[in-house]
C-alpha cells in the first residue's frame, strides 16, 4: 500500500472509529499516544504523521479492532503502531485528553511536554530524505517550554532517563533552538 500521511482529521476519524468499535464491545481501550500523533493532534506543530505511535491496552483486542479500522478507512494495517514501547522511560509523565474529543470507548493519554522532550532528546534522529527526524520536534518543544539553556534541557532529559547521557547532537539541536540572548 502506498505511503499516506495521517492528518489530524484522519487520526481523529480513526481513533473515533476505534472507540466506537470498543464501546460496542463494552470495553474502554487505554491508549497512550506518542511521537508524531501528539505533535499533530495536540500541538498542531505538524500537518501529519506516518503512523500513530501508541501503547494500547488491552493490546490483543486493540490490534484486532485497529486492523478493522484500517480496512474500513483504507489505512495501512499498521497505522496504530506500538514499536514506541522500547523507547519509554520507566517512570512516565502523562496527561489525559478530554473524552469528548474522541467519544466513548477510549481513554487517551499523552506525554507531558517535558516527557516528550526527554524522549525526543534521547532519540535525536537526524532528518533523512523522506523522514523528518527529531530535530524539528526538539526545537518546537524547546520554544514551547521557553527553555533558556542546554542545562535546562539536560535536567529534563535526566529526570526521565537518568542512566543515559545527552548526546552531543541533542545538545547542538537544543542550543540552535534557544533564544539568541541565551546562546
N, C-alpha and C. Protein backbone atom coordinates (compact mmCIF):
# COMPACT_ATOMS: atom_id res chain seq x y z
N UNK A 1 0.85 -1.19 0.00
CA UNK A 1 0.00 0.00 0.00
C UNK A 1 0.89 1.24 0.00
N UNK A 2 0.58 2.25 -0.80
CA UNK A 2 1.42 3.45 -0.85
C UNK A 2 1.35 4.21 0.48
N UNK A 3 2.41 4.95 0.74
CA UNK A 3 2.52 5.77 1.95
C UNK A 3 1.43 6.84 1.95
N UNK A 4 0.76 6.96 3.04
CA UNK A 4 -0.26 8.01 3.19
C UNK A 4 -0.05 8.68 4.53
N UNK A 5 0.14 9.99 4.51
CA UNK A 5 0.27 10.71 5.76
C UNK A 5 -1.08 10.75 6.47
N UNK A 6 -1.02 10.72 7.78
CA UNK A 6 -2.23 10.80 8.58
C UNK A 6 -2.35 12.21 9.15
N UNK A 7 -3.33 12.95 8.66
CA UNK A 7 -3.58 14.31 9.13
C UNK A 7 -4.33 14.25 10.46
N UNK A 8 -4.48 15.41 11.08
CA UNK A 8 -5.24 15.49 12.34
C UNK A 8 -6.65 14.94 12.14
N UNK A 9 -7.27 15.30 11.04
CA UNK A 9 -8.64 14.86 10.76
C UNK A 9 -8.68 13.33 10.60
N UNK A 10 -7.72 12.79 9.88
CA UNK A 10 -7.68 11.35 9.62
C UNK A 10 -7.39 10.56 10.91
N UNK A 11 -6.48 11.06 11.74
CA UNK A 11 -6.19 10.40 13.01
C UNK A 11 -7.41 10.43 13.91
N UNK A 12 -8.05 11.58 14.00
CA UNK A 12 -9.25 11.72 14.83
C UNK A 12 -10.34 10.77 14.35
N UNK A 13 -10.54 10.71 13.04
CA UNK A 13 -11.54 9.81 12.45
C UNK A 13 -11.23 8.36 12.83
N UNK A 14 -9.97 7.96 12.70
CA UNK A 14 -9.58 6.58 13.00
C UNK A 14 -9.75 6.27 14.49
N UNK A 15 -9.35 7.20 15.35
CA UNK A 15 -9.48 6.97 16.79
C UNK A 15 -10.96 6.93 17.21
N UNK A 16 -11.77 7.80 16.63
CA UNK A 16 -13.20 7.77 16.96
C UNK A 16 -13.82 6.43 16.57
N UNK A 17 -13.46 5.95 15.39
CA UNK A 17 -14.00 4.65 14.93
C UNK A 17 -13.50 3.52 15.83
N UNK A 18 -12.24 3.58 16.23
CA UNK A 18 -11.69 2.59 17.16
C UNK A 18 -12.48 2.61 18.46
N UNK A 19 -12.79 3.80 18.95
CA UNK A 19 -13.60 3.94 20.16
C UNK A 19 -15.00 3.39 20.00
N UNK A 20 -15.60 3.64 18.85
CA UNK A 20 -16.95 3.10 18.59
C UNK A 20 -16.94 1.58 18.64
N UNK A 21 -15.94 1.00 18.01
CA UNK A 21 -15.85 -0.47 17.99
C UNK A 21 -15.62 -1.02 19.40
N UNK A 22 -14.77 -0.37 20.16
CA UNK A 22 -14.50 -0.80 21.55
C UNK A 22 -15.77 -0.65 22.39
N UNK A 23 -16.43 0.48 22.25
CA UNK A 23 -17.65 0.75 23.02
C UNK A 23 -18.73 -0.29 22.71
N UNK A 24 -18.83 -0.68 21.45
CA UNK A 24 -19.81 -1.69 21.05
C UNK A 24 -19.53 -3.03 21.74
N UNK A 25 -18.29 -3.26 22.09
CA UNK A 25 -17.91 -4.49 22.81
C UNK A 25 -17.87 -4.27 24.33
N UNK A 26 -18.36 -3.09 24.76
CA UNK A 26 -18.41 -2.74 26.18
C UNK A 26 -17.03 -2.75 26.83
N UNK A 27 -16.05 -2.22 26.08
CA UNK A 27 -14.66 -2.14 26.53
C UNK A 27 -14.19 -0.70 26.37
N UNK A 28 -13.32 -0.27 27.27
CA UNK A 28 -12.63 1.01 27.10
C UNK A 28 -11.17 0.70 26.86
N UNK A 29 -10.66 1.13 25.71
CA UNK A 29 -9.24 0.95 25.40
C UNK A 29 -8.45 2.08 26.06
N UNK A 30 -7.38 1.71 26.72
CA UNK A 30 -6.45 2.68 27.32
C UNK A 30 -5.36 2.93 26.29
N UNK A 31 -5.31 4.15 25.74
CA UNK A 31 -4.36 4.47 24.68
C UNK A 31 -3.40 5.55 25.17
N UNK A 32 -2.12 5.27 25.09
CA UNK A 32 -1.08 6.27 25.35
C UNK A 32 -0.46 6.62 24.01
N UNK A 33 -0.68 7.86 23.57
CA UNK A 33 -0.15 8.32 22.29
C UNK A 33 1.24 8.93 22.47
N UNK A 34 2.08 8.80 21.45
CA UNK A 34 3.43 9.36 21.48
C UNK A 34 3.77 9.91 20.10
N UNK A 35 4.93 10.55 20.01
CA UNK A 35 5.52 10.93 18.74
C UNK A 35 4.68 11.84 17.87
N UNK A 36 4.73 11.55 16.56
CA UNK A 36 4.10 12.41 15.57
C UNK A 36 2.62 12.63 15.79
N UNK A 37 1.93 11.62 16.33
CA UNK A 37 0.49 11.78 16.60
C UNK A 37 0.25 12.89 17.61
N UNK A 38 1.11 13.00 18.61
CA UNK A 38 0.96 14.06 19.63
C UNK A 38 1.25 15.42 19.01
N UNK A 39 2.31 15.50 18.21
CA UNK A 39 2.64 16.78 17.57
C UNK A 39 1.54 17.21 16.60
N UNK A 40 0.88 16.25 15.97
CA UNK A 40 -0.19 16.54 15.02
C UNK A 40 -1.51 16.86 15.73
N UNK A 41 -1.91 16.01 16.68
CA UNK A 41 -3.21 16.16 17.35
C UNK A 41 -3.22 17.24 18.44
N UNK A 42 -2.22 17.23 19.28
CA UNK A 42 -2.23 18.08 20.48
C UNK A 42 -1.63 19.46 20.22
N UNK A 43 -0.45 19.48 19.59
CA UNK A 43 0.26 20.75 19.41
C UNK A 43 0.00 21.41 18.07
N UNK A 44 -0.41 20.64 17.07
CA UNK A 44 -0.62 21.22 15.75
C UNK A 44 0.68 21.70 15.11
N UNK A 45 1.82 21.20 15.59
CA UNK A 45 3.10 21.64 15.04
C UNK A 45 3.49 20.87 13.78
N UNK A 46 2.74 19.84 13.47
CA UNK A 46 2.92 19.05 12.24
C UNK A 46 1.58 18.95 11.55
N UNK A 47 1.62 18.90 10.23
CA UNK A 47 0.38 18.71 9.47
C UNK A 47 -0.07 17.26 9.50
N UNK A 48 0.90 16.34 9.61
CA UNK A 48 0.57 14.92 9.53
C UNK A 48 1.72 14.08 10.09
N UNK A 49 1.44 12.80 10.22
CA UNK A 49 2.43 11.83 10.66
C UNK A 49 2.23 10.55 9.85
N UNK A 50 3.24 9.69 9.83
CA UNK A 50 3.12 8.48 9.00
C UNK A 50 2.32 7.38 9.69
N UNK A 51 2.28 7.39 11.03
CA UNK A 51 1.51 6.40 11.77
C UNK A 51 1.19 6.97 13.16
N UNK A 52 0.46 6.20 13.93
CA UNK A 52 0.09 6.62 15.28
C UNK A 52 0.88 5.74 16.25
N UNK A 53 1.94 6.33 16.83
CA UNK A 53 2.72 5.62 17.84
C UNK A 53 1.91 5.58 19.12
N UNK A 54 1.61 4.38 19.60
CA UNK A 54 0.75 4.25 20.77
C UNK A 54 0.96 2.92 21.46
N UNK A 55 0.73 2.94 22.76
CA UNK A 55 0.62 1.71 23.53
C UNK A 55 -0.84 1.61 23.92
N UNK A 56 -1.48 0.49 23.55
CA UNK A 56 -2.92 0.34 23.79
C UNK A 56 -3.17 -0.92 24.60
N UNK A 57 -4.04 -0.79 25.59
CA UNK A 57 -4.42 -1.93 26.41
C UNK A 57 -5.93 -2.03 26.45
N UNK A 58 -6.51 -3.21 26.35
CA UNK A 58 -5.85 -4.49 26.11
C UNK A 58 -5.32 -4.57 24.69
N UNK A 59 -4.07 -5.01 24.55
CA UNK A 59 -3.38 -4.93 23.27
C UNK A 59 -3.92 -5.89 22.21
N UNK A 60 -4.31 -7.09 22.61
CA UNK A 60 -4.81 -8.05 21.62
C UNK A 60 -6.10 -7.55 20.97
N UNK A 61 -7.03 -7.08 21.78
CA UNK A 61 -8.28 -6.53 21.25
C UNK A 61 -8.00 -5.28 20.42
N UNK A 62 -7.11 -4.43 20.90
CA UNK A 62 -6.77 -3.20 20.18
C UNK A 62 -6.22 -3.52 18.80
N UNK A 63 -5.37 -4.55 18.72
CA UNK A 63 -4.82 -4.94 17.42
C UNK A 63 -5.90 -5.39 16.45
N UNK A 64 -6.82 -6.18 16.96
CA UNK A 64 -7.93 -6.68 16.14
C UNK A 64 -8.81 -5.51 15.66
N UNK A 65 -9.18 -4.63 16.59
CA UNK A 65 -10.03 -3.50 16.23
C UNK A 65 -9.29 -2.51 15.34
N UNK A 66 -7.99 -2.33 15.59
CA UNK A 66 -7.19 -1.43 14.76
C UNK A 66 -7.12 -1.90 13.32
N UNK A 67 -7.00 -3.21 13.12
CA UNK A 67 -6.99 -3.76 11.75
C UNK A 67 -8.35 -3.56 11.08
N UNK A 68 -9.43 -3.67 11.85
CA UNK A 68 -10.78 -3.44 11.30
C UNK A 68 -10.92 -1.98 10.86
N UNK A 69 -10.44 -1.06 11.70
CA UNK A 69 -10.47 0.37 11.35
C UNK A 69 -9.65 0.61 10.08
N UNK A 70 -8.48 -0.01 9.99
CA UNK A 70 -7.63 0.14 8.81
C UNK A 70 -8.37 -0.29 7.55
N UNK A 71 -9.03 -1.43 7.61
CA UNK A 71 -9.76 -1.94 6.45
C UNK A 71 -10.92 -1.01 6.09
N UNK A 72 -11.65 -0.55 7.09
CA UNK A 72 -12.81 0.32 6.83
C UNK A 72 -12.41 1.67 6.25
N UNK A 73 -11.31 2.24 6.76
CA UNK A 73 -10.93 3.60 6.38
C UNK A 73 -9.82 3.67 5.34
N UNK A 74 -9.38 2.50 4.86
CA UNK A 74 -8.32 2.49 3.86
C UNK A 74 -6.97 2.95 4.39
N UNK A 75 -6.69 2.60 5.63
CA UNK A 75 -5.41 2.96 6.25
C UNK A 75 -4.46 1.78 6.18
N UNK A 76 -3.16 2.04 6.32
CA UNK A 76 -2.22 0.91 6.40
C UNK A 76 -2.59 0.05 7.62
N UNK A 77 -2.39 -1.26 7.51
CA UNK A 77 -2.76 -2.16 8.61
C UNK A 77 -2.05 -1.79 9.91
N UNK A 78 -0.84 -1.24 9.80
CA UNK A 78 -0.07 -0.87 11.00
C UNK A 78 -0.17 0.62 11.34
N UNK A 79 -1.29 1.25 11.00
CA UNK A 79 -1.46 2.67 11.31
C UNK A 79 -1.32 2.92 12.81
N UNK A 80 -1.74 1.95 13.62
CA UNK A 80 -1.62 2.03 15.08
C UNK A 80 -0.42 1.16 15.44
N UNK A 81 0.69 1.81 15.80
CA UNK A 81 1.98 1.15 15.90
C UNK A 81 2.51 1.20 17.32
N UNK A 82 2.83 0.04 17.90
CA UNK A 82 3.31 0.03 19.29
C UNK A 82 4.83 -0.14 19.41
N UNK A 83 5.57 0.09 18.32
CA UNK A 83 7.03 -0.02 18.37
C UNK A 83 7.65 0.97 19.37
N UNK A 84 6.92 2.01 19.72
CA UNK A 84 7.41 3.03 20.65
C UNK A 84 7.70 2.46 22.04
N UNK A 85 7.13 1.31 22.37
CA UNK A 85 7.30 0.71 23.70
C UNK A 85 8.76 0.64 24.13
N UNK A 86 9.63 0.35 23.20
CA UNK A 86 11.04 0.18 23.52
C UNK A 86 11.74 1.48 23.91
N UNK A 87 11.11 2.62 23.66
CA UNK A 87 11.74 3.91 23.92
C UNK A 87 11.19 4.61 25.17
N UNK A 88 10.28 3.98 25.88
CA UNK A 88 9.63 4.62 27.02
C UNK A 88 10.51 4.60 28.26
N UNK A 89 10.31 5.60 29.10
CA UNK A 89 11.02 5.66 30.38
C UNK A 89 10.34 4.75 31.38
N UNK A 90 11.07 4.34 32.40
CA UNK A 90 10.48 3.51 33.45
C UNK A 90 9.34 4.24 34.15
N UNK A 91 9.54 5.54 34.37
CA UNK A 91 8.50 6.35 35.01
C UNK A 91 8.10 7.44 34.02
N UNK A 92 6.85 7.38 33.58
CA UNK A 92 6.36 8.33 32.58
C UNK A 92 5.61 9.49 33.25
N UNK A 93 5.42 10.54 32.49
CA UNK A 93 4.60 11.67 32.93
C UNK A 93 3.61 11.96 31.80
N UNK A 94 2.32 11.72 32.09
CA UNK A 94 1.29 11.85 31.05
C UNK A 94 0.10 12.65 31.58
N UNK A 95 -0.72 13.06 30.63
CA UNK A 95 -1.99 13.71 30.97
C UNK A 95 -3.08 13.10 30.10
N UNK A 96 -4.29 13.12 30.61
CA UNK A 96 -5.44 12.53 29.91
C UNK A 96 -6.09 13.59 29.01
N UNK A 97 -6.41 13.20 27.78
CA UNK A 97 -7.13 14.11 26.88
C UNK A 97 -8.62 14.04 27.19
N UNK A 98 -9.35 15.14 26.94
CA UNK A 98 -10.79 15.13 27.19
C UNK A 98 -11.49 14.05 26.38
N UNK A 99 -12.37 13.29 27.02
CA UNK A 99 -13.08 12.19 26.36
C UNK A 99 -13.95 12.66 25.22
N UNK A 100 -14.53 13.85 25.33
CA UNK A 100 -15.49 14.32 24.33
C UNK A 100 -14.88 14.51 22.94
N UNK A 101 -13.56 14.63 22.83
CA UNK A 101 -12.95 14.82 21.52
C UNK A 101 -12.98 13.53 20.69
N UNK A 102 -12.94 12.38 21.34
CA UNK A 102 -12.85 11.12 20.62
C UNK A 102 -14.03 10.19 20.87
N UNK A 103 -14.89 10.53 21.79
CA UNK A 103 -16.07 9.72 22.06
C UNK A 103 -15.80 8.60 23.04
N UNK A 104 -16.83 7.80 23.32
CA UNK A 104 -16.69 6.72 24.29
C UNK A 104 -15.83 5.57 23.74
N UNK A 105 -15.39 4.72 24.64
CA UNK A 105 -14.63 3.55 24.24
C UNK A 105 -13.13 3.74 24.30
N UNK A 106 -12.70 4.99 24.53
CA UNK A 106 -11.26 5.27 24.59
C UNK A 106 -10.94 6.13 25.81
N UNK A 107 -9.80 5.87 26.39
CA UNK A 107 -9.22 6.76 27.42
C UNK A 107 -7.82 7.05 26.91
N UNK A 108 -7.62 8.27 26.42
CA UNK A 108 -6.38 8.62 25.73
C UNK A 108 -5.51 9.52 26.60
N UNK A 109 -4.24 9.12 26.72
CA UNK A 109 -3.27 9.95 27.42
C UNK A 109 -2.13 10.30 26.47
N UNK A 110 -1.47 11.40 26.78
CA UNK A 110 -0.31 11.85 26.00
C UNK A 110 0.79 12.24 26.98
N UNK A 111 2.04 12.17 26.54
CA UNK A 111 3.13 12.58 27.43
C UNK A 111 3.07 14.08 27.69
N UNK A 112 3.53 14.47 28.86
CA UNK A 112 3.69 15.91 29.12
C UNK A 112 4.74 16.43 28.15
N UNK A 113 4.79 17.74 27.97
CA UNK A 113 5.79 18.33 27.08
C UNK A 113 7.20 17.95 27.54
N UNK A 114 7.43 17.95 28.84
CA UNK A 114 8.75 17.61 29.37
C UNK A 114 9.13 16.16 29.04
N UNK A 115 8.20 15.25 29.24
CA UNK A 115 8.50 13.84 28.95
C UNK A 115 8.70 13.63 27.45
N UNK A 116 7.88 14.28 26.63
CA UNK A 116 8.03 14.16 25.19
C UNK A 116 9.39 14.72 24.75
N UNK A 117 9.80 15.84 25.34
CA UNK A 117 11.11 16.40 25.02
C UNK A 117 12.21 15.42 25.41
N UNK A 118 12.12 14.83 26.57
CA UNK A 118 13.13 13.85 27.01
C UNK A 118 13.22 12.69 26.03
N UNK A 119 12.07 12.19 25.58
CA UNK A 119 12.07 11.09 24.61
C UNK A 119 12.72 11.51 23.29
N UNK A 120 12.38 12.70 22.83
CA UNK A 120 12.94 13.19 21.57
C UNK A 120 14.44 13.45 21.69
N UNK A 121 14.88 13.98 22.83
CA UNK A 121 16.30 14.20 23.05
C UNK A 121 17.06 12.88 23.09
N UNK A 122 16.45 11.89 23.69
CA UNK A 122 17.09 10.58 23.77
C UNK A 122 17.26 9.97 22.38
N UNK A 123 16.24 10.07 21.55
CA UNK A 123 16.30 9.51 20.19
C UNK A 123 17.16 10.38 19.28
N UNK A 124 16.87 11.65 19.23
CA UNK A 124 17.60 12.67 18.46
C UNK A 124 18.04 12.16 17.08
N UNK A 125 17.08 11.63 16.33
CA UNK A 125 17.37 11.10 15.00
C UNK A 125 17.45 12.25 13.99
N UNK A 126 18.49 12.25 13.15
CA UNK A 126 18.64 13.34 12.18
C UNK A 126 17.64 13.20 11.04
N UNK A 127 17.34 14.31 10.37
CA UNK A 127 16.45 14.21 9.21
C UNK A 127 17.15 13.46 8.07
N UNK A 128 16.37 12.71 7.32
CA UNK A 128 16.84 11.97 6.16
C UNK A 128 15.85 12.20 5.02
N UNK A 129 16.21 11.91 3.79
CA UNK A 129 15.23 12.07 2.71
C UNK A 129 13.96 11.27 3.00
N UNK A 130 12.84 11.94 3.02
CA UNK A 130 11.56 11.30 3.29
C UNK A 130 11.27 11.08 4.76
N UNK A 131 12.15 11.55 5.65
CA UNK A 131 11.96 11.36 7.10
C UNK A 131 12.41 12.63 7.83
N UNK A 132 11.51 13.21 8.58
CA UNK A 132 11.79 14.50 9.23
C UNK A 132 12.77 14.39 10.39
N UNK A 133 12.91 13.22 11.00
CA UNK A 133 13.79 13.10 12.17
C UNK A 133 13.18 13.79 13.38
N UNK A 134 14.00 14.00 14.40
CA UNK A 134 13.52 14.57 15.67
C UNK A 134 13.90 16.02 15.89
N UNK A 135 14.80 16.55 15.08
CA UNK A 135 15.32 17.89 15.34
C UNK A 135 14.22 18.96 15.40
N UNK A 136 13.31 18.93 14.43
CA UNK A 136 12.23 19.93 14.40
C UNK A 136 11.33 19.83 15.63
N UNK A 137 11.04 18.62 16.06
CA UNK A 137 10.21 18.42 17.26
C UNK A 137 10.92 18.93 18.50
N UNK A 138 12.22 18.70 18.58
CA UNK A 138 13.01 19.19 19.73
C UNK A 138 12.98 20.71 19.75
N UNK A 139 13.24 21.31 18.60
CA UNK A 139 13.23 22.79 18.53
C UNK A 139 11.86 23.34 18.93
N UNK A 140 10.81 22.71 18.43
CA UNK A 140 9.46 23.15 18.78
C UNK A 140 9.24 23.11 20.29
N UNK A 141 9.60 21.99 20.93
CA UNK A 141 9.37 21.84 22.37
C UNK A 141 10.25 22.78 23.20
N UNK A 142 11.48 23.00 22.78
CA UNK A 142 12.35 23.95 23.49
C UNK A 142 11.70 25.33 23.49
N UNK A 143 11.16 25.72 22.35
CA UNK A 143 10.46 27.01 22.26
C UNK A 143 9.18 27.04 23.06
N UNK A 144 8.37 25.99 22.94
CA UNK A 144 7.10 25.92 23.65
C UNK A 144 7.30 25.99 25.16
N UNK A 145 8.37 25.32 25.63
CA UNK A 145 8.64 25.28 27.07
C UNK A 145 9.48 26.48 27.54
N UNK A 146 9.84 27.35 26.62
CA UNK A 146 10.63 28.55 26.92
C UNK A 146 11.92 28.23 27.68
N UNK A 147 12.59 27.18 27.23
CA UNK A 147 13.85 26.83 27.88
C UNK A 147 14.90 27.90 27.58
N UNK A 148 15.79 28.11 28.54
CA UNK A 148 16.79 29.17 28.41
C UNK A 148 18.22 28.65 28.28
N UNK A 149 18.39 27.32 28.45
CA UNK A 149 19.75 26.78 28.38
C UNK A 149 19.74 25.29 28.05
N UNK A 150 20.89 24.83 27.59
CA UNK A 150 21.08 23.41 27.34
C UNK A 150 20.97 22.66 28.67
N UNK A 151 21.45 23.26 29.74
CA UNK A 151 21.39 22.63 31.06
C UNK A 151 19.95 22.35 31.49
N UNK A 152 19.02 23.25 31.17
CA UNK A 152 17.61 23.01 31.49
C UNK A 152 17.09 21.78 30.74
N UNK A 153 17.43 21.69 29.47
CA UNK A 153 17.00 20.54 28.67
C UNK A 153 17.63 19.26 29.21
N UNK A 154 18.88 19.33 29.59
CA UNK A 154 19.57 18.16 30.12
C UNK A 154 18.93 17.70 31.43
N UNK A 155 18.53 18.64 32.26
CA UNK A 155 17.87 18.29 33.53
C UNK A 155 16.55 17.54 33.26
N UNK A 156 15.81 18.00 32.27
CA UNK A 156 14.54 17.35 31.90
C UNK A 156 14.84 15.94 31.38
N UNK A 157 15.80 15.82 30.49
CA UNK A 157 16.18 14.52 29.95
C UNK A 157 16.57 13.55 31.07
N UNK A 158 17.42 14.04 31.98
CA UNK A 158 17.94 13.19 33.05
C UNK A 158 16.87 12.76 34.05
N UNK A 159 15.82 13.54 34.17
CA UNK A 159 14.71 13.17 35.07
C UNK A 159 14.07 11.85 34.61
N UNK A 160 13.95 11.69 33.30
CA UNK A 160 13.28 10.51 32.75
C UNK A 160 14.26 9.40 32.36
N UNK A 161 15.45 9.78 31.96
CA UNK A 161 16.45 8.81 31.51
C UNK A 161 17.77 9.05 32.24
N UNK A 162 17.78 8.81 33.55
CA UNK A 162 18.95 9.14 34.37
C UNK A 162 20.21 8.35 34.02
N UNK A 163 20.07 7.25 33.34
CA UNK A 163 21.23 6.42 33.02
C UNK A 163 21.76 6.65 31.61
N UNK A 164 21.14 7.57 30.87
CA UNK A 164 21.57 7.89 29.51
C UNK A 164 22.14 9.29 29.48
N UNK A 165 23.27 9.44 28.82
CA UNK A 165 23.87 10.76 28.69
C UNK A 165 23.27 11.47 27.48
N UNK A 166 23.05 12.76 27.59
CA UNK A 166 22.54 13.55 26.47
C UNK A 166 23.64 13.61 25.40
N UNK A 167 23.30 13.28 24.18
CA UNK A 167 24.29 13.23 23.10
C UNK A 167 24.74 14.64 22.68
N UNK A 168 25.88 14.69 22.04
CA UNK A 168 26.39 15.96 21.52
C UNK A 168 25.41 16.53 20.49
N UNK A 169 24.83 15.64 19.67
CA UNK A 169 23.86 16.10 18.66
C UNK A 169 22.65 16.73 19.33
N UNK A 170 22.15 16.11 20.40
CA UNK A 170 20.99 16.67 21.10
C UNK A 170 21.33 18.03 21.71
N UNK A 171 22.51 18.15 22.27
CA UNK A 171 22.94 19.44 22.83
C UNK A 171 22.95 20.52 21.75
N UNK A 172 23.46 20.18 20.57
CA UNK A 172 23.53 21.15 19.47
C UNK A 172 22.14 21.56 18.99
N UNK A 173 21.23 20.59 18.90
CA UNK A 173 19.87 20.91 18.46
C UNK A 173 19.20 21.83 19.48
N UNK A 174 19.35 21.53 20.76
CA UNK A 174 18.78 22.40 21.79
C UNK A 174 19.39 23.79 21.69
N UNK A 175 20.70 23.85 21.59
CA UNK A 175 21.39 25.15 21.50
C UNK A 175 20.87 25.97 20.32
N UNK A 176 20.62 25.31 19.20
CA UNK A 176 20.13 26.02 18.00
C UNK A 176 18.71 26.54 18.19
N UNK A 177 17.99 25.99 19.15
CA UNK A 177 16.59 26.40 19.38
C UNK A 177 16.45 27.47 20.46
N UNK A 178 17.52 27.72 21.19
CA UNK A 178 17.45 28.70 22.27
C UNK A 178 17.37 30.12 21.72
N UNK A 179 16.71 31.01 22.49
CA UNK A 179 16.68 32.41 22.07
C UNK A 179 18.11 32.95 21.95
N UNK A 180 18.32 33.88 21.05
CA UNK A 180 19.66 34.44 20.82
C UNK A 180 20.31 34.93 22.10
N UNK A 181 19.53 35.49 23.00
CA UNK A 181 20.07 36.02 24.24
C UNK A 181 20.61 34.91 25.16
N UNK A 182 20.19 33.67 24.93
CA UNK A 182 20.60 32.57 25.81
C UNK A 182 21.81 31.82 25.27
N UNK A 183 22.18 32.08 24.04
CA UNK A 183 23.28 31.30 23.41
C UNK A 183 24.63 31.80 23.82
